[in-house]
Amino acid sequence: MFWLFLIGSIGLVLIGIFGLITRSHLIKLLLSLNILETGINLTMIVLGYQNGGKVPIIHSLLDLTKPINFVDPLPQALVLTSIVIGLGTTALALILIVNYYYKTGKLSLERSENEKENIDE
């Protein structure tokens, strides 16, 4: 199961990078960035997983005289923080895209023929 999630997360990262390289539509670029972020988050969770690991909460029912295989909580905390930051940056990017659309009337980064002629002159 570990390898399935690892291959899936690497696939998401590659799809996100492909979308960032090949697309010029702003919404598609933002979607590609979110897919890339999701792949990176999934990779961190997969690499932080331990088979048979226990929840890292110490309570009275645990026998602390025996060694316990705890799951590392750091990757989970980092991914949770990354999700919140990703939500904020996505909202900001959508606001910037809407403002760009109102000013230019388009959502693509490619230059129109009229713009190309003005640059050549």
C-alpha atoms as a PDB file:
ATOM      1  CA  MET A   1       0.000   0.000   0.000  1.00  0.00           C
ATOM      2  CA  PHE A   2       2.949   2.296   0.732  1.00  0.00           C
ATOM      3  CA  TRP A   3       4.204   2.055  -2.844  1.00  0.00           C
ATOM      4  CA  LEU A   4       0.759   2.670  -4.298  1.00  0.00           C
ATOM      5  CA  PHE A   5       0.402   5.946  -2.387  1.00  0.00           C
ATOM      6  CA  LEU A   6       3.997   6.951  -3.136  1.00  0.00           C
ATOM      7  CA  ILE A   7       3.576   6.355  -6.880  1.00  0.00           C
ATOM      8  CA  GLY A   8       0.235   8.196  -6.805  1.00  0.00           C
ATOM      9  CA  SER A   9       1.742  11.179  -5.020  1.00  0.00           C
ATOM     10  CA  ILE A  10       4.679  11.344  -7.426  1.00  0.00           C
ATOM     11  CA  GLY A  11       2.176  11.124 -10.291  1.00  0.00           C
ATOM     12  CA  LEU A  12       0.267  14.107  -8.889  1.00  0.00           C
ATOM     13  CA  VAL A  13       3.489  16.099  -8.612  1.00  0.00           C
ATOM     14  CA  LEU A  14       4.389  15.289 -12.227  1.00  0.00           C
ATOM     15  CA  ILE A  15       0.887  16.186 -13.467  1.00  0.00           C
ATOM     16  CA  GLY A  16       1.107  19.507 -11.634  1.00  0.00           C
ATOM     17  CA  ILE A  17       4.531  20.307 -13.097  1.00  0.00           C
ATOM     18  CA  PHE A  18       3.330  19.346 -16.583  1.00  0.00           C
ATOM     19  CA  GLY A  19       0.333  21.657 -16.239  1.00  0.00           C
ATOM     20  CA  LEU A  20       2.507  24.544 -15.059  1.00  0.00           C
ATOM     21  CA  ILE A  21       4.872  24.135 -18.001  1.00  0.00           C
ATOM     22  CA  THR A  22       2.351  23.609 -20.806  1.00  0.00           C
ATOM     23  CA  ARG A  23      -0.642  25.833 -19.946  1.00  0.00           C
ATOM     24  CA  SER A  24      -1.092  29.582 -20.325  1.00  0.00           C
ATOM     25  CA  HIS A  25      -4.680  29.974 -19.042  1.00  0.00           C
ATOM     26  CA  LEU A  26      -4.522  31.446 -15.532  1.00  0.00           C
ATOM     27  CA  ILE A  27      -7.211  29.215 -13.975  1.00  0.00           C
ATOM     28  CA  LYS A  28      -5.515  26.102 -15.399  1.00  0.00           C
ATOM     29  CA  LEU A  29      -2.185  27.297 -14.013  1.00  0.00           C
ATOM     30  CA  LEU A  30      -3.725  27.751 -10.576  1.00  0.00           C
ATOM     31  CA  LEU A  31      -5.342  24.315 -10.770  1.00  0.00           C
ATOM     32  CA  SER A  32      -1.991  22.791 -11.764  1.00  0.00           C
ATOM     33  CA  LEU A  33      -0.344  24.508  -8.808  1.00  0.00           C
ATOM     34  CA  ASN A  34      -2.983  23.059  -6.469  1.00  0.00           C
ATOM     35  CA  ILE A  35      -2.475  19.559  -7.921  1.00  0.00           C
ATOM     36  CA  LEU A  36       1.271  19.936  -7.381  1.00  0.00           C
ATOM     37  CA  GLU A  37       0.686  21.036  -3.789  1.00  0.00           C
ATOM     38  CA  THR A  38      -1.614  18.081  -3.136  1.00  0.00           C
ATOM     39  CA  GLY A  39       1.003  15.692  -4.503  1.00  0.00           C
ATOM     40  CA  ILE A  40       3.681  17.160  -2.254  1.00  0.00           C
ATOM     41  CA  ASN A  41       1.377  16.941   0.775  1.00  0.00           C
ATOM     42  CA  LEU A  42       0.555  13.315   0.011  1.00  0.00           C
ATOM     43  CA  THR A  43       4.258  12.528  -0.418  1.00  0.00           C
ATOM     44  CA  MET A  44       5.029  13.971   3.016  1.00  0.00           C
ATOM     45  CA  ILE A  45       2.233  11.963   4.631  1.00  0.00           C
ATOM     46  CA  VAL A  46       3.335   8.759   2.889  1.00  0.00           C
ATOM     47  CA  LEU A  47       6.957   9.197   3.937  1.00  0.00           C
ATOM     48  CA  GLY A  48       5.908   9.903   7.539  1.00  0.00           C
ATOM     49  CA  TYR A  49       3.802   6.740   7.811  1.00  0.00           C
ATOM     50  CA  GLN A  50       4.969   3.815   9.944  1.00  0.00           C
ATOM     51  CA  ASN A  51       3.324   0.434   9.606  1.00  0.00           C
ATOM     52  CA  GLY A  52       1.821  -0.589  12.938  1.00  0.00           C
ATOM     53  CA  GLY A  53       2.579   2.770  14.525  1.00  0.00           C
ATOM     54  CA  LYS A  54       0.518   4.017  17.441  1.00  0.00           C
ATOM     55  CA  VAL A  55      -1.012   7.444  17.884  1.00  0.00           C
ATOM     56  CA  PRO A  56       1.555   9.685  19.627  1.00  0.00           C
ATOM     57  CA  ILE A  57      -0.652  10.455  22.620  1.00  0.00           C
ATOM     58  CA  ILE A  58       0.475   9.191  26.005  1.00  0.00           C
ATOM     59  CA  HIS A  59      -2.369   8.248  28.329  1.00  0.00           C
ATOM     60  CA  SER A  60      -2.835   6.077  31.399  1.00  0.00           C
ATOM     61  CA  LEU A  61      -3.675   2.882  29.445  1.00  0.00           C
ATOM     62  CA  LEU A  62      -0.246   2.686  27.827  1.00  0.00           C
ATOM     63  CA  ASP A  63       2.432   0.469  29.311  1.00  0.00           C
ATOM     64  CA  LEU A  64       5.463   2.742  29.164  1.00  0.00           C
ATOM     65  CA  THR A  65       7.846  -0.028  30.251  1.00  0.00           C
ATOM     66  CA  LYS A  66       7.667  -1.582  26.767  1.00  0.00           C
ATOM     67  CA  PRO A  67       9.020   0.158  23.663  1.00  0.00           C
ATOM     68  CA  ILE A  68       6.209   1.703  21.641  1.00  0.00           C
ATOM     69  CA  ASN A  69       6.331   2.416  17.902  1.00  0.00           C
ATOM     70  CA  PHE A  70       4.846   5.920  17.657  1.00  0.00           C
ATOM     71  CA  VAL A  71       3.961   7.580  14.355  1.00  0.00           C
ATOM     72  CA  ASP A  72       5.860  10.821  13.830  1.00  0.00           C
ATOM     73  CA  PRO A  73       3.337  13.713  14.151  1.00  0.00           C
ATOM     74  CA  LEU A  74       5.591  16.297  12.472  1.00  0.00           C
ATOM     75  CA  PRO A  75       4.672  15.475   8.816  1.00  0.00           C
ATOM     76  CA  GLN A  76       0.981  15.591   9.709  1.00  0.00           C
ATOM     77  CA  ALA A  77       1.368  19.002  11.352  1.00  0.00           C
ATOM     78  CA  LEU A  78       3.363  20.318   8.387  1.00  0.00           C
ATOM     79  CA  VAL A  79       0.761  19.099   5.894  1.00  0.00           C
ATOM     80  CA  LEU A  80      -2.061  20.639   7.923  1.00  0.00           C
ATOM     81  CA  THR A  81      -0.190  23.948   7.913  1.00  0.00           C
ATOM     82  CA  SER A  82       0.488  23.582   4.188  1.00  0.00           C
ATOM     83  CA  ILE A  83      -3.211  23.026   3.474  1.00  0.00           C
ATOM     84  CA  VAL A  84      -4.159  26.225   5.317  1.00  0.00           C
ATOM     85  CA  ILE A  85      -1.442  28.225   3.536  1.00  0.00           C
ATOM     86  CA  GLY A  86      -2.489  26.722   0.197  1.00  0.00           C
ATOM     87  CA  LEU A  87      -6.084  27.804   0.775  1.00  0.00           C
ATOM     88  CA  GLY A  88      -4.982  31.358   1.479  1.00  0.00           C
ATOM     89  CA  THR A  89      -2.690  31.579  -1.533  1.00  0.00           C
ATOM     90  CA  THR A  90      -5.368  30.091  -3.794  1.00  0.00           C
ATOM     91  CA  ALA A  91      -7.893  32.683  -2.637  1.00  0.00           C
ATOM     92  CA  LEU A  92      -5.366  35.475  -3.192  1.00  0.00           C
ATOM     93  CA  ALA A  93      -4.474  34.120  -6.639  1.00  0.00           C
ATOM     94  CA  LEU A  94      -8.159  33.983  -7.617  1.00  0.00           C
ATOM     95  CA  ILE A  95      -8.588  37.616  -6.572  1.00  0.00           C
ATOM     96  CA  LEU A  96      -5.551  38.589  -8.645  1.00  0.00           C
ATOM     97  CA  ILE A  97      -6.884  36.621 -11.634  1.00  0.00           C
ATOM     98  CA  VAL A  98     -10.263  38.389 -11.401  1.00  0.00           C
ATOM     99  CA  ASN A  99      -8.528  41.782 -11.258  1.00  0.00           C
ATOM    100  CA  TYR A 100      -6.360  40.830 -14.247  1.00  0.00           C
ATOM    101  CA  TYR A 101      -9.484  39.827 -16.173  1.00  0.00           C
ATOM    102  CA  TYR A 102     -11.210  43.135 -15.400  1.00  0.00           C
ATOM    103  CA  LYS A 103      -8.176  45.110 -16.575  1.00  0.00           C
ATOM    104  CA  THR A 104      -7.271  43.102 -19.680  1.00  0.00           C
ATOM    105  CA  GLY A 105     -10.473  41.259 -20.602  1.00  0.00           C
ATOM    106  CA  LYS A 106      -8.691  37.911 -20.955  1.00  0.00           C
ATOM    107  CA  LEU A 107      -7.522  35.019 -18.816  1.00  0.00           C
ATOM    108  CA  SER A 108      -4.615  33.872 -20.951  1.00  0.00           C
ATOM    109  CA  LEU A 109      -1.005  34.931 -20.660  1.00  0.00           C
ATOM    110  CA  GLU A 110      -0.444  34.624 -24.415  1.00  0.00           C
ATOM    111  CA  ARG A 111      -0.171  37.880 -26.338  1.00  0.00           C
ATOM    112  CA  SER A 112      -2.794  38.702 -28.943  1.00  0.00           C
ATOM    113  CA  GLU A 113      -1.830  39.580 -32.529  1.00  0.00           C
ATOM    114  CA  ASN A 114      -2.498  43.273 -31.832  1.00  0.00           C
ATOM    115  CA  GLU A 115      -0.136  43.231 -28.839  1.00  0.00           C
ATOM    116  CA  LYS A 116       2.557  41.457 -30.866  1.00  0.00           C
ATOM    117  CA  GLU A 117       2.361  44.091 -33.596  1.00  0.00           C
ATOM    118  CA  ASN A 118       2.703  46.907 -31.039  1.00  0.00           C
ATOM    119  CA  ILE A 119       5.823  45.306 -29.569  1.00  0.00           C
ATOM    120  CA  ASP A 120       7.458  44.798 -32.986  1.00  0.00           C
ATOM    121  CA  GLU A 121       7.093  48.497 -33.868  1.00  0.00           C
END
